[in-house]
Structures are given as structure tokens and as C-alpha cells.
Amino acid sequence: MTGVPASATGGHAPAAAVRRPAGLWNIANILTMVRLLLVPGFVLLMLHNGGYDPAWRSFAWAAFAIAMITDLFDGHLARMYDLVTDFGKIADPIADKAIMGAALICLSALDDLPWWVTGVILFREIGITLMRFWVIRHGVIPASRGGKMKTLAQGVAVGMYILALTGALATARFWVMAVAVVLTVATGLDYVKQAVVLRRAGRAAAAAGTTGAASR
């Protein structure tokens, strides 16, 4: 290295690294698409032969488990390898809610799970998703530790209800679902609080910017 700029020696300075936007067909989006495609397959497996066949319920559980596993990886891969796309931002939360909603509705339709539980969870999930879009121009509400625990509890509880469990395991799944419902409500209230604070801060900053520009 001479310390002399490349332009002074007649050479060319290395071009600044420009990241090309991620294409639609990347591994993160493909996993999201797989999760969306699993939804109708899961419903067919869940309701096959009247919905009470232990073998078909096991197949439905496998489809649900695959969907939950892909949910863990697609967002992580998108952030790690800079594969975030507009499609992924919209499709990922839709895929999450679709598979969980399908499972809850099927379970309630089969009288395995009270409808009020399904209603509470779906109301929270859809409401928080809409709220994220409501405040997105002011900032992003990050996923909290409680939110991750809620997702884990919901996945485990719903998975246990999908399987035809009996005896002590059937009792255990009731308590796991109870924990999931409590976390669902508690984290939902926390997200509402964060959204209100974020929106107020964003509007205050916008107002301050407008006032400052007008005083110049």
C-alpha cells in the first residue's frame, strides 16, 4: 500500500459494495411459501375420516410441526443473509397466523378445544398484526421474550391437542394451553402499550420537525 489515492496514479478506486436487493425466490421466502401450502394439506389431514382417526391426526401433527419449524428458520435466515423482501414482510406473518388459525378452528370444530380459546388467540394474533402495520411508519415493534415464549407455548399446546392423547398427557395439554392463553393475553396487552407509545413518539417527532422547519 502506497497511501496514494488510486485516482492519482491513474488507477480506479474500488467501487463501493452495493448490495443488490434480495430476489423473490430465496430460501427464506421459499420456506414461507411451503408453510402457506401446508395449511390446506394440514386441514385435509386433520379432518380426514371424521377428524378422530389417531393415524391421520398424527399425519396432521407432522404437517403442523413442519410449519412451526419453518417458522423458526425463515425469519432468521432472512435477517442473517439479508434476504428480507416486501413479499416476506407480508407473507411471513400471514403464514404464521394461517397455520395456527387453521389448527385452532379445526380443533374447536371437532369439539376438542373450546371456541372461546380459539377466539381469544385469533383475536390477539390478528389484532397485533394489524397494529404492527398501523405503527410501521413510526417504527417496528420488536419481538419480545414474552412473545417468543407465547409462540412456543401455543405451538406445543396446539400440537398436543392435535395428537389423540389420553390419560395424564391429555391433562397436561390442558395446563400447557392455559399457560399459552395467559401469555397470549399478557403479551398482547404489552404490544398494545408499546404501539401506543411508539405512535405518540412518532407523531411528536413529526410535529417537532414540522415546527422546526416552519421557524427557519
Protein backbone atom coordinates (compact mmCIF):
# COMPACT_ATOMS: atom_id res chain seq x y z
CA MET A 1 0.00 0.00 0.00
CA THR A 2 1.43 3.39 -1.02
CA GLY A 3 -1.13 5.63 0.63
CA VAL A 4 -1.63 7.40 -2.73
CA PRO A 5 -5.22 7.59 -3.95
CA ALA A 6 -5.92 5.36 -6.92
CA SER A 7 -7.13 8.37 -8.93
CA ALA A 8 -3.72 10.00 -8.56
CA THR A 9 -1.92 7.01 -10.03
CA GLY A 10 -4.29 6.60 -12.93
CA GLY A 11 -5.95 3.54 -11.40
CA HIS A 12 -9.52 3.05 -10.42
CA ALA A 13 -10.71 3.14 -6.83
CA PRO A 14 -12.62 0.03 -5.85
CA ALA A 15 -16.32 0.56 -6.30
CA ALA A 16 -18.34 0.73 -3.11
CA ALA A 17 -20.03 -2.51 -2.37
CA VAL A 18 -23.64 -2.16 -3.37
CA ARG A 19 -26.00 -4.78 -2.05
CA ARG A 20 -28.44 -5.97 -4.62
CA PRO A 21 -31.97 -6.38 -3.33
CA ALA A 22 -32.88 -9.95 -2.48
CA GLY A 23 -34.94 -11.71 -5.13
CA LEU A 24 -38.31 -13.28 -4.53
CA TRP A 25 -37.01 -16.82 -4.89
CA ASN A 26 -34.73 -17.07 -1.90
CA ILE A 27 -34.62 -19.74 0.80
CA ALA A 28 -36.47 -17.63 3.38
CA ASN A 29 -39.39 -16.89 1.05
CA ILE A 30 -39.49 -20.49 -0.17
CA LEU A 31 -39.87 -21.70 3.42
CA THR A 32 -42.69 -19.18 3.91
CA MET A 33 -44.41 -20.45 0.74
CA VAL A 34 -44.04 -24.04 1.95
CA ARG A 35 -45.74 -23.05 5.20
CA LEU A 36 -48.62 -21.48 3.29
CA LEU A 37 -49.00 -24.60 1.13
CA LEU A 38 -49.05 -26.78 4.24
CA VAL A 39 -52.21 -25.08 5.53
CA PRO A 40 -54.75 -26.75 3.18
CA GLY A 41 -52.85 -30.05 3.46
CA PHE A 42 -52.99 -29.84 7.24
CA VAL A 43 -56.74 -29.19 7.21
CA LEU A 44 -57.37 -32.19 4.93
CA LEU A 45 -55.28 -34.45 7.14
CA MET A 46 -56.88 -33.13 10.31
CA LEU A 47 -60.46 -33.64 9.13
CA HIS A 48 -59.92 -36.85 7.20
CA ASN A 49 -62.10 -39.78 8.21
CA GLY A 50 -64.21 -37.60 10.50
CA GLY A 51 -61.30 -35.96 12.26
CA TYR A 52 -60.91 -38.52 15.03
CA ASP A 53 -58.63 -41.10 13.42
CA PRO A 54 -55.40 -41.23 15.52
CA ALA A 55 -53.27 -42.12 12.48
CA TRP A 56 -54.47 -39.19 10.38
CA ARG A 57 -54.19 -36.88 13.39
CA SER A 58 -50.54 -37.96 13.62
CA PHE A 59 -50.02 -37.01 9.97
CA ALA A 60 -51.70 -33.66 10.65
CA TRP A 61 -49.40 -33.14 13.63
CA ALA A 62 -46.38 -33.80 11.38
CA ALA A 63 -47.58 -31.14 8.92
CA PHE A 64 -48.16 -28.70 11.79
CA ALA A 65 -44.71 -29.44 13.25
CA ILE A 66 -43.01 -28.82 9.89
CA ALA A 67 -44.84 -25.50 9.60
CA MET A 68 -43.71 -24.47 13.09
CA ILE A 69 -40.10 -25.47 12.34
CA THR A 70 -40.00 -23.47 9.10
CA ASP A 71 -41.36 -20.51 11.06
CA LEU A 72 -38.27 -20.67 13.28
CA PHE A 73 -35.88 -20.63 10.35
CA ASP A 74 -37.26 -18.38 7.60
CA GLY A 75 -37.09 -15.11 9.54
CA HIS A 76 -33.67 -15.98 10.97
CA LEU A 77 -32.29 -16.79 7.51
CA ALA A 78 -33.80 -13.62 6.02
CA ARG A 79 -32.06 -11.43 8.60
CA MET A 80 -28.77 -13.34 8.63
CA TYR A 81 -28.29 -13.37 4.85
CA ASP A 82 -30.04 -10.09 4.06
CA LEU A 83 -32.93 -11.82 2.29
CA VAL A 84 -35.66 -9.53 3.60
CA THR A 85 -38.19 -8.73 0.87
CA ASP A 86 -41.54 -6.95 0.72
CA PHE A 87 -43.16 -10.31 -0.04
CA GLY A 88 -41.59 -11.85 3.06
CA LYS A 89 -42.68 -8.98 5.30
CA ILE A 90 -46.30 -9.55 4.29
CA ALA A 91 -46.40 -13.31 3.68
CA ASP A 92 -44.48 -14.44 6.79
CA PRO A 93 -46.97 -13.16 9.41
CA ILE A 94 -49.87 -14.33 7.23
CA ALA A 95 -48.38 -17.84 7.04
CA ASP A 96 -47.87 -17.88 10.82
CA LYS A 97 -51.44 -16.90 11.55
CA ALA A 98 -52.87 -19.17 8.82
CA ILE A 99 -51.43 -22.43 10.14
CA MET A 100 -52.18 -21.59 13.77
CA GLY A 101 -55.67 -20.36 12.92
CA ALA A 102 -56.42 -23.45 10.84
CA ALA A 103 -55.33 -25.72 13.69
CA LEU A 104 -57.38 -23.86 16.31
CA ILE A 105 -60.52 -23.73 14.18
CA CYS A 106 -60.27 -27.42 13.31
CA LEU A 107 -59.82 -28.35 16.97
CA SER A 108 -62.82 -26.27 18.03
CA ALA A 109 -64.94 -27.60 15.15
CA LEU A 110 -64.15 -31.11 16.40
CA ASP A 111 -65.08 -30.09 19.98
CA ASP A 112 -61.54 -30.77 21.18
CA LEU A 113 -60.95 -27.15 22.18
CA PRO A 114 -63.42 -24.54 23.49
CA TRP A 115 -64.32 -21.89 20.92
CA TRP A 116 -63.53 -19.11 23.40
CA VAL A 117 -59.88 -20.23 23.49
CA THR A 118 -59.71 -20.11 19.70
CA GLY A 119 -61.40 -16.70 19.73
CA VAL A 120 -59.01 -15.20 22.30
CA ILE A 121 -55.89 -16.41 20.49
CA LEU A 122 -57.05 -15.44 16.99
CA PHE A 123 -58.29 -12.02 18.17
CA ARG A 124 -54.90 -11.34 19.74
CA GLU A 125 -52.85 -12.59 16.78
CA ILE A 126 -54.83 -10.78 14.09
CA GLY A 127 -55.14 -7.63 16.20
CA ILE A 128 -51.42 -7.39 16.92
CA THR A 129 -50.56 -8.00 13.26
CA LEU A 130 -52.86 -5.16 12.20
CA MET A 131 -51.41 -2.97 14.94
CA ARG A 132 -47.88 -3.58 13.65
CA PHE A 133 -48.95 -2.26 10.25
CA TRP A 134 -50.71 0.66 11.95
CA VAL A 135 -47.49 1.93 13.56
CA ILE A 136 -44.97 0.69 10.98
CA ARG A 137 -44.27 4.20 9.66
CA HIS A 138 -43.27 5.26 13.16
CA GLY A 139 -41.09 2.23 13.85
CA VAL A 140 -41.06 -1.53 14.33
CA ILE A 141 -42.28 -3.25 17.47
CA PRO A 142 -39.59 -5.87 18.16
CA ALA A 143 -40.46 -9.40 19.16
CA SER A 144 -40.17 -9.64 22.92
CA ARG A 145 -39.00 -12.59 25.00
CA GLY A 146 -42.57 -12.97 26.23
CA GLY A 147 -43.80 -13.06 22.65
CA LYS A 148 -41.36 -15.84 21.80
CA MET A 149 -42.45 -17.79 24.87
CA LYS A 150 -46.06 -17.29 23.81
CA THR A 151 -45.33 -18.67 20.35
CA LEU A 152 -43.57 -21.70 21.82
CA ALA A 153 -46.37 -22.35 24.32
CA GLN A 154 -49.02 -22.04 21.62
CA GLY A 155 -47.15 -24.38 19.29
CA VAL A 156 -46.62 -27.04 21.97
CA ALA A 157 -50.19 -26.79 23.29
CA VAL A 158 -51.86 -26.93 19.88
CA GLY A 159 -49.55 -29.76 18.83
CA MET A 160 -50.58 -31.74 21.92
CA TYR A 161 -54.26 -31.16 21.13
CA ILE A 162 -53.79 -32.30 17.53
CA LEU A 163 -52.44 -35.65 18.74
CA ALA A 164 -55.00 -38.06 20.11
CA LEU A 165 -53.63 -38.04 23.65
CA THR A 166 -55.25 -39.73 26.62
CA GLY A 167 -54.70 -40.02 30.36
CA ALA A 168 -52.06 -37.88 32.02
CA LEU A 169 -50.90 -36.37 28.71
CA ALA A 170 -54.43 -35.18 27.97
CA THR A 171 -54.46 -33.46 31.38
CA ALA A 172 -51.01 -31.97 30.77
CA ARG A 173 -52.06 -30.42 27.47
CA PHE A 174 -54.87 -28.57 29.26
CA TRP A 175 -52.37 -26.84 31.53
CA VAL A 176 -49.97 -26.10 28.66
CA MET A 177 -52.85 -24.46 26.77
CA ALA A 178 -53.77 -22.50 29.91
CA VAL A 179 -50.22 -21.12 30.04
CA ALA A 180 -50.39 -20.31 26.31
CA VAL A 181 -53.66 -18.37 26.77
CA VAL A 182 -52.26 -16.37 29.70
CA LEU A 183 -49.12 -15.50 27.72
CA THR A 184 -51.25 -14.64 24.70
CA VAL A 185 -53.29 -12.10 26.65
CA ALA A 186 -50.36 -10.68 28.65
CA THR A 187 -48.06 -10.18 25.65
CA GLY A 188 -50.96 -8.79 23.63
CA LEU A 189 -51.54 -6.06 26.21
CA ASP A 190 -47.81 -5.33 26.27
CA TYR A 191 -47.73 -4.93 22.48
CA VAL A 192 -50.70 -2.54 22.63
CA LYS A 193 -48.82 -0.44 25.18
CA GLN A 194 -45.69 -0.42 23.01
CA ALA A 195 -47.70 0.52 19.92
CA VAL A 196 -49.36 3.47 21.65
CA VAL A 197 -46.02 4.74 22.99
CA LEU A 198 -44.36 4.30 19.60
CA ARG A 199 -47.14 6.09 17.75
CA ARG A 200 -47.15 9.01 20.21
CA ALA A 201 -43.38 9.34 19.94
CA GLY A 202 -43.54 9.24 16.16
CA ARG A 203 -46.28 11.85 15.97
CA ALA A 204 -44.43 14.08 18.45
CA ALA A 205 -41.22 13.83 16.39
CA ALA A 206 -43.13 14.63 13.20
CA ALA A 207 -44.77 17.63 14.84
CA ALA A 208 -41.42 18.87 16.15
CA GLY A 209 -39.91 18.52 12.70
CA THR A 210 -42.74 20.47 11.14
CA THR A 211 -42.45 23.25 13.75
CA GLY A 212 -38.68 23.44 13.27
CA ALA A 213 -38.99 23.68 9.50
CA ALA A 214 -41.62 26.42 9.78
CA SER A 215 -39.42 28.51 12.10
CA ARG A 216 -36.47 28.61 9.74
